[in-house]
Amino acid sequence: MALRPGTESMEDFPRFLALLEKARGLGPVTVSVAAAGDRDLLVGVQEAVEAGVARPVLVGDEGEVRRAAGEAGLAADTPVVAAADPREAALGACRLVREGRAQVVMKGMVSSTDFLRAVLHPQHGLRAGRTLSHVAVYDVPGWDRLALMTDGGMIPAPDLSAKRDILQNAVDLARALGVAEPRVAVLSATEIVDPAIPSTVDAARLKEMALSGEIQGAIVDGPLALDMAFSAEIAERKGMKSAVAGRADIFLVPCIEAGNILGKAFMYLAGAAMAGVVMGGLAPAVLNSRVDTPVSRLSSLVVASLLVHAGAGRLREGGDER
């Protein structure tokens, strides 16, 4: 039976625990927390401080932030940057990254819409030439590896160009987490390229892009139905030879609805814990949800920390580094 999210501890998820130990050995990164006046949020930040992976700068209403920080056990000298309201706090947190005063930005008590508007702001945000996308990382009980899924949280209906960037973002994250050559399953409803199902056409094109070097550092196959992505045996029964079937590290979904459904199935049916980060900008952005568990919050900061240490996903102004 799947665990009920929120009842687990880090010890239940050995792959996330291994990432935590790796990040701890590399040292803390500076995290600007937007609209940080919430005790529960800052308890998670304090766990990351105690684990040696984060060094926070708190942005928001100074009185609220200092009160919440005290209740969460953060040190009295934790830096606080005053902001008039949550929207200004989100912009201020991103501005700290652009000024070199923080390496990660984290959503606090600000709506996802306002947080993402700040991340995408042309002057103060994190835009850097590549499509920004959300990558979810799952530690699934019983699996022998992490599962990355994208994009189930940011781009509703990506076109082929956006899918290319989304895929490259996920590959960069997988490599930062230690997967030397990640295998990508480009998901659709069938393994047959059918013009009536546009996602199958996109999948075949993405496979070609990987073979030609337009997508770097990964083995890509698609279109693949979900059962084939999970099972090499099923692929063989259908007469398909695939280097990805049954061995996928990354699952690229065709649209946000599919990603939302697959991600919640991982969590609520398979008992997975999730870490999530927005990739493709000047720095990783941690996009929290109100229902995130303590393991999820800590793991997200761990993933963001490893990205910073790997230098992955950080792009030059006006274009990517490739």
Protein backbone atom coordinates (compact mmCIF):
# COMPACT_ATOMS: atom_id res chain seq x y z
CA MET A 1 0.00 0.00 0.00
CA ALA A 2 1.21 3.48 -0.81
CA LEU A 3 2.34 5.74 1.98
CA ARG A 4 0.11 8.67 2.79
CA PRO A 5 2.15 11.73 1.78
CA GLY A 6 3.13 13.71 4.86
CA THR A 7 3.62 10.69 7.14
CA GLU A 8 7.01 9.69 5.77
CA SER A 9 10.53 10.68 6.77
CA MET A 10 13.69 11.12 4.73
CA GLU A 11 14.84 7.65 5.82
CA ASP A 12 11.93 6.17 3.82
CA PHE A 13 13.49 7.43 0.59
CA PRO A 14 17.07 6.17 0.15
CA ARG A 15 17.73 7.92 -3.15
CA PHE A 16 16.74 11.32 -1.74
CA LEU A 17 18.77 10.54 1.38
CA ALA A 18 21.81 9.84 -0.80
CA LEU A 19 21.31 13.18 -2.59
CA LEU A 20 21.10 14.91 0.80
CA GLU A 21 24.42 13.40 1.88
CA LYS A 22 26.01 14.47 -1.39
CA ALA A 23 24.71 18.04 -1.05
CA ARG A 24 25.80 18.19 2.59
CA GLY A 25 29.35 17.36 1.53
CA LEU A 26 29.37 20.20 -1.01
CA GLY A 27 28.24 22.87 1.44
CA PRO A 28 25.26 25.25 1.68
CA VAL A 29 23.93 27.51 -1.06
CA THR A 30 22.18 30.83 -0.46
CA VAL A 31 18.41 30.64 -0.89
CA SER A 32 16.21 33.75 -1.16
CA VAL A 33 12.75 32.92 0.19
CA ALA A 34 9.94 35.06 -1.26
CA ALA A 35 7.19 36.10 1.19
CA ALA A 36 8.80 34.17 4.01
CA GLY A 37 6.38 35.03 6.82
CA ASP A 38 5.13 31.51 7.51
CA ARG A 39 6.28 29.25 10.33
CA ASP A 40 5.64 25.92 8.58
CA LEU A 41 7.55 27.02 5.49
CA LEU A 42 10.49 28.20 7.58
CA VAL A 43 10.55 24.97 9.60
CA GLY A 44 11.41 23.30 6.28
CA VAL A 45 14.05 25.94 5.58
CA GLN A 46 15.50 25.39 9.07
CA GLU A 47 15.75 21.65 8.34
CA ALA A 48 17.78 22.50 5.24
CA VAL A 49 20.00 24.77 7.34
CA GLU A 50 20.54 22.03 9.91
CA ALA A 51 21.29 19.57 7.09
CA GLY A 52 24.00 21.92 5.82
CA VAL A 53 22.51 22.52 2.36
CA ALA A 54 20.94 26.00 2.63
CA ARG A 55 21.77 29.46 3.88
CA PRO A 56 18.55 31.55 3.78
CA VAL A 57 17.82 35.17 3.03
CA LEU A 58 14.20 35.92 3.94
CA VAL A 59 12.17 38.45 1.95
CA GLY A 60 8.83 39.90 3.04
CA ASP A 61 7.11 41.94 5.72
CA GLU A 62 9.90 42.33 8.27
CA GLY A 63 7.75 41.92 11.39
CA GLU A 64 5.94 38.84 10.07
CA VAL A 65 9.13 37.28 8.75
CA ARG A 66 11.12 37.74 11.97
CA ARG A 67 8.25 36.38 14.07
CA ALA A 68 7.87 33.31 11.84
CA ALA A 69 11.64 32.79 11.72
CA GLY A 70 11.82 32.82 15.51
CA GLU A 71 8.98 30.32 15.80
CA ALA A 72 10.71 28.06 13.26
CA GLY A 73 14.00 28.11 15.15
CA LEU A 74 16.04 30.04 12.60
CA ALA A 75 18.98 32.02 13.96
CA ALA A 76 18.21 35.56 15.07
CA ASP A 77 20.81 36.96 12.67
CA THR A 78 19.22 35.34 9.59
CA PRO A 79 19.18 38.14 6.96
CA VAL A 80 15.78 39.70 6.22
CA VAL A 81 15.03 41.94 3.23
CA ALA A 82 11.90 44.02 3.70
CA ALA A 83 9.16 43.98 1.03
CA ALA A 84 5.79 45.71 1.10
CA ASP A 85 3.66 42.78 -0.14
CA PRO A 86 4.01 39.24 -1.54
CA ARG A 87 4.38 40.40 -5.15
CA GLU A 88 7.20 42.76 -4.20
CA ALA A 89 8.74 39.99 -2.11
CA ALA A 90 8.80 37.65 -5.11
CA LEU A 91 10.46 40.30 -7.27
CA GLY A 92 12.90 41.08 -4.47
CA ALA A 93 13.86 37.43 -4.05
CA CYS A 94 14.58 37.13 -7.77
CA ARG A 95 16.47 40.41 -7.72
CA LEU A 96 18.81 38.97 -5.08
CA VAL A 97 19.76 36.24 -7.55
CA ARG A 98 20.41 38.73 -10.35
CA GLU A 99 22.59 40.78 -7.96
CA GLY A 100 24.62 37.69 -7.02
CA ARG A 101 23.40 37.68 -3.42
CA ALA A 102 21.52 34.37 -3.73
CA GLN A 103 21.88 31.21 -5.80
CA VAL A 104 18.37 29.75 -5.48
CA VAL A 105 14.95 31.37 -5.18
CA MET A 106 12.14 29.69 -3.22
CA LYS A 107 8.41 30.40 -3.21
CA GLY A 108 6.89 31.28 0.15
CA MET A 109 3.48 32.74 0.97
CA VAL A 110 2.88 34.17 -2.48
CA SER A 111 0.60 32.75 -5.14
CA SER A 112 2.19 30.57 -7.80
CA THR A 113 0.97 33.01 -10.45
CA ASP A 114 2.67 36.00 -8.81
CA PHE A 115 5.82 34.00 -8.07
CA LEU A 116 6.14 32.85 -11.67
CA ARG A 117 5.46 36.39 -12.92
CA ALA A 118 8.45 37.49 -10.86
CA VAL A 119 10.60 34.63 -12.16
CA LEU A 120 9.64 35.58 -15.73
CA HIS A 121 9.97 39.36 -15.20
CA PRO A 122 12.06 40.85 -18.03
CA GLN A 123 14.22 43.05 -15.77
CA HIS A 124 14.25 41.41 -12.35
CA GLY A 125 13.44 37.77 -13.13
CA LEU A 126 15.48 34.73 -14.09
CA ARG A 127 15.00 34.59 -17.87
CA ALA A 128 18.14 33.54 -19.70
CA GLY A 129 17.28 32.49 -23.24
CA ARG A 130 15.82 29.02 -22.79
CA THR A 131 12.22 28.06 -22.00
CA LEU A 132 11.68 27.82 -18.25
CA SER A 133 10.02 24.57 -17.18
CA HIS A 134 9.20 22.55 -14.09
CA VAL A 135 10.94 19.23 -13.47
CA ALA A 136 9.60 16.90 -10.78
CA VAL A 137 11.92 14.29 -9.26
CA TYR A 138 10.37 11.23 -7.62
CA ASP A 139 11.84 8.69 -5.22
CA VAL A 140 9.48 5.77 -5.79
CA PRO A 141 9.57 2.92 -3.23
CA GLY A 142 10.78 -0.27 -4.86
CA TRP A 143 12.43 1.44 -7.83
CA ASP A 144 16.16 1.24 -8.38
CA ARG A 145 16.53 4.84 -9.60
CA LEU A 146 15.00 8.29 -9.44
CA ALA A 147 12.20 9.14 -11.87
CA LEU A 148 12.08 12.62 -13.41
CA MET A 149 8.88 13.91 -15.02
CA THR A 150 8.32 17.10 -17.00
CA ASP A 151 6.44 19.38 -17.47
CA GLY A 152 3.53 18.88 -15.13
CA GLY A 153 3.58 22.24 -13.42
CA MET A 154 4.32 25.19 -15.68
CA ILE A 155 3.67 25.02 -19.45
CA PRO A 156 0.12 23.92 -20.39
CA ALA A 157 0.58 22.90 -24.04
CA PRO A 158 4.20 23.16 -25.23
CA ASP A 159 4.99 23.19 -28.93
CA LEU A 160 7.94 21.27 -30.38
CA SER A 161 10.44 24.05 -29.71
CA ALA A 162 9.34 24.32 -26.09
CA LYS A 163 9.45 20.53 -25.69
CA ARG A 164 13.05 20.55 -26.87
CA ASP A 165 13.98 23.02 -24.13
CA ILE A 166 11.86 21.21 -21.55
CA LEU A 167 13.63 17.97 -22.39
CA GLN A 168 17.10 19.55 -22.27
CA ASN A 169 16.28 21.13 -18.90
CA ALA A 170 15.35 17.72 -17.49
CA VAL A 171 18.49 16.14 -18.94
CA ASP A 172 20.64 18.84 -17.34
CA LEU A 173 18.96 18.16 -13.99
CA ALA A 174 19.39 14.39 -14.27
CA ARG A 175 23.09 14.82 -15.03
CA ALA A 176 23.48 17.16 -12.05
CA LEU A 177 21.96 14.43 -9.89
CA GLY A 178 24.53 11.93 -11.10
CA VAL A 179 22.87 10.22 -14.09
CA ALA A 180 25.66 10.29 -16.67
CA GLU A 181 23.50 9.59 -19.74
CA PRO A 182 19.80 9.74 -18.85
CA ARG A 183 17.26 7.78 -20.87
CA VAL A 184 14.20 9.77 -21.91
CA ALA A 185 10.78 8.31 -22.69
CA VAL A 186 8.73 10.77 -24.75
CA LEU A 187 5.22 9.73 -23.78
CA SER A 188 2.07 9.57 -25.86
CA ALA A 189 -0.94 7.28 -26.20
CA THR A 190 0.78 4.93 -28.66
CA GLU A 191 4.18 4.00 -30.03
CA ILE A 192 2.99 4.56 -33.60
CA VAL A 193 3.56 7.95 -35.24
CA ASP A 194 0.08 9.14 -36.17
CA PRO A 195 -0.59 12.65 -37.56
CA ALA A 196 -3.98 12.53 -35.84
CA ILE A 197 -2.10 12.47 -32.49
CA PRO A 198 0.30 15.44 -32.65
CA SER A 199 2.28 14.33 -29.60
CA THR A 200 3.46 11.24 -31.51
CA VAL A 201 4.82 13.43 -34.31
CA ASP A 202 6.61 15.64 -31.78
CA ALA A 203 8.03 12.58 -30.05
CA ALA A 204 9.54 11.22 -33.26
CA ARG A 205 11.04 14.63 -34.01
CA LEU A 206 12.57 14.89 -30.53
CA LYS A 207 14.16 11.48 -31.01
CA GLU A 208 15.69 12.76 -34.27
CA MET A 209 16.94 15.89 -32.50
CA ALA A 210 18.76 13.78 -29.93
CA LEU A 211 20.36 11.65 -32.65
CA SER A 212 21.52 14.78 -34.51
CA GLY A 213 22.93 16.46 -31.39
CA GLU A 214 20.28 19.20 -31.07
CA ILE A 215 19.48 17.64 -27.69
CA GLN A 216 22.63 16.74 -25.80
CA GLY A 217 23.59 14.21 -23.18
CA ALA A 218 20.68 11.76 -23.36
CA ILE A 219 19.25 8.71 -25.09
CA VAL A 220 15.76 9.64 -26.31
CA ASP A 221 13.02 7.35 -27.58
CA GLY A 222 9.43 8.02 -28.54
CA PRO A 223 6.64 7.98 -28.98
CA LEU A 224 6.22 5.50 -26.15
CA ALA A 225 2.99 4.57 -24.39
CA LEU A 226 3.37 4.54 -20.62
CA ASP A 227 3.32 0.74 -20.32
CA MET A 228 6.19 0.47 -22.80
CA ALA A 229 8.17 3.16 -20.99
CA PHE A 230 7.90 1.11 -17.79
CA SER A 231 8.42 -2.34 -19.29
CA ALA A 232 11.00 -3.61 -21.77
CA GLU A 233 9.07 -6.89 -21.87
CA ILE A 234 5.92 -5.17 -23.09
CA ALA A 235 7.93 -3.34 -25.75
CA GLU A 236 9.37 -6.65 -26.94
CA ARG A 237 5.91 -8.24 -27.06
CA LYS A 238 4.82 -5.40 -29.32
CA GLY A 239 7.82 -6.03 -31.55
CA MET A 240 9.62 -2.81 -30.65
CA LYS A 241 13.31 -2.63 -29.75
CA SER A 242 14.03 0.31 -27.47
CA ALA A 243 17.05 1.36 -25.41
CA VAL A 244 14.68 3.32 -23.17
CA ALA A 245 11.72 0.99 -22.55
CA GLY A 246 11.86 -0.29 -18.97
CA ARG A 247 14.92 1.86 -18.25
CA ALA A 248 13.62 5.42 -18.45
CA ASP A 249 15.06 8.06 -16.12
CA ILE A 250 12.98 10.91 -17.55
CA PHE A 251 9.33 10.89 -18.60
CA LEU A 252 8.46 13.75 -20.97
CA VAL A 253 4.69 14.23 -21.00
CA PRO A 254 2.77 15.82 -23.89
CA CYS A 255 0.87 18.40 -21.81
CA ILE A 256 0.41 19.72 -18.28
CA GLU A 257 -2.71 17.62 -17.66
CA ALA A 258 -0.85 14.39 -18.37
CA GLY A 259 2.01 15.48 -16.13
CA ASN A 260 -0.29 16.44 -13.28
CA ILE A 261 -2.04 13.05 -13.45
CA LEU A 262 1.16 11.01 -13.75
CA GLY A 263 2.85 12.89 -10.92
CA LYS A 264 -0.05 12.41 -8.53
CA ALA A 265 -0.20 8.73 -9.46
CA PHE A 266 3.46 8.41 -8.48
CA MET A 267 2.71 10.02 -5.11
CA TYR A 268 -0.72 8.71 -4.13
CA LEU A 269 -0.65 5.26 -5.75
CA ALA A 270 3.05 4.37 -5.61
CA GLY A 271 3.93 6.21 -2.38
CA ALA A 272 6.62 8.38 -3.95
CA ALA A 273 8.10 11.54 -2.50
CA MET A 274 8.58 14.45 -4.87
CA ALA A 275 11.13 17.22 -5.23
CA GLY A 276 10.49 19.96 -7.76
CA VAL A 277 12.46 22.77 -9.36
CA VAL A 278 11.98 25.28 -12.18
CA MET A 279 14.85 24.92 -14.66
CA GLY A 280 16.20 26.91 -17.59
CA GLY A 281 16.84 30.25 -15.92
CA LEU A 282 19.71 32.05 -14.25
CA ALA A 283 19.18 29.97 -11.12
CA PRO A 284 16.94 27.14 -9.88
CA ALA A 285 13.55 28.17 -8.52
CA VAL A 286 11.76 26.04 -5.93
CA LEU A 287 8.00 26.19 -6.53
CA ASN A 288 6.36 24.99 -3.34
CA SER A 289 2.76 23.89 -2.94
CA ARG A 290 0.60 24.27 0.18
CA VAL A 291 0.36 20.47 0.34
CA ASP A 292 4.10 19.79 0.04
CA THR A 293 5.43 17.48 2.73
CA PRO A 294 8.53 18.19 4.85
CA VAL A 295 10.41 15.56 2.81
CA SER A 296 9.36 17.28 -0.41
CA ARG A 297 10.47 20.73 0.77
CA LEU A 298 13.84 19.52 1.98
CA SER A 299 14.42 17.36 -1.10
CA SER A 300 13.58 20.27 -3.41
CA LEU A 301 16.22 22.41 -1.72
CA VAL A 302 18.68 19.52 -1.95
CA VAL A 303 18.04 19.18 -5.69
CA ALA A 304 18.42 22.94 -6.17
CA SER A 305 21.67 22.87 -4.18
CA LEU A 306 23.11 20.11 -6.38
CA LEU A 307 22.14 22.08 -9.49
CA VAL A 308 24.05 25.10 -8.21
CA HIS A 309 27.13 23.03 -7.38
CA ALA A 310 27.01 21.32 -10.79
CA GLY A 311 26.59 24.64 -12.61
CA ALA A 312 23.67 23.02 -14.49
CA GLY A 313 20.81 25.03 -15.86
CA ARG A 314 22.61 28.35 -15.40
CA LEU A 315 22.47 30.08 -18.77
CA ARG A 316 24.11 33.15 -20.15
CA GLU A 317 22.02 36.20 -20.79
CA GLY A 318 20.47 36.05 -24.23
CA GLY A 319 21.09 32.36 -24.94
CA ASP A 320 22.15 29.02 -23.60
CA GLU A 321 25.66 27.72 -23.18
CA ARG A 322 25.53 24.99 -25.81
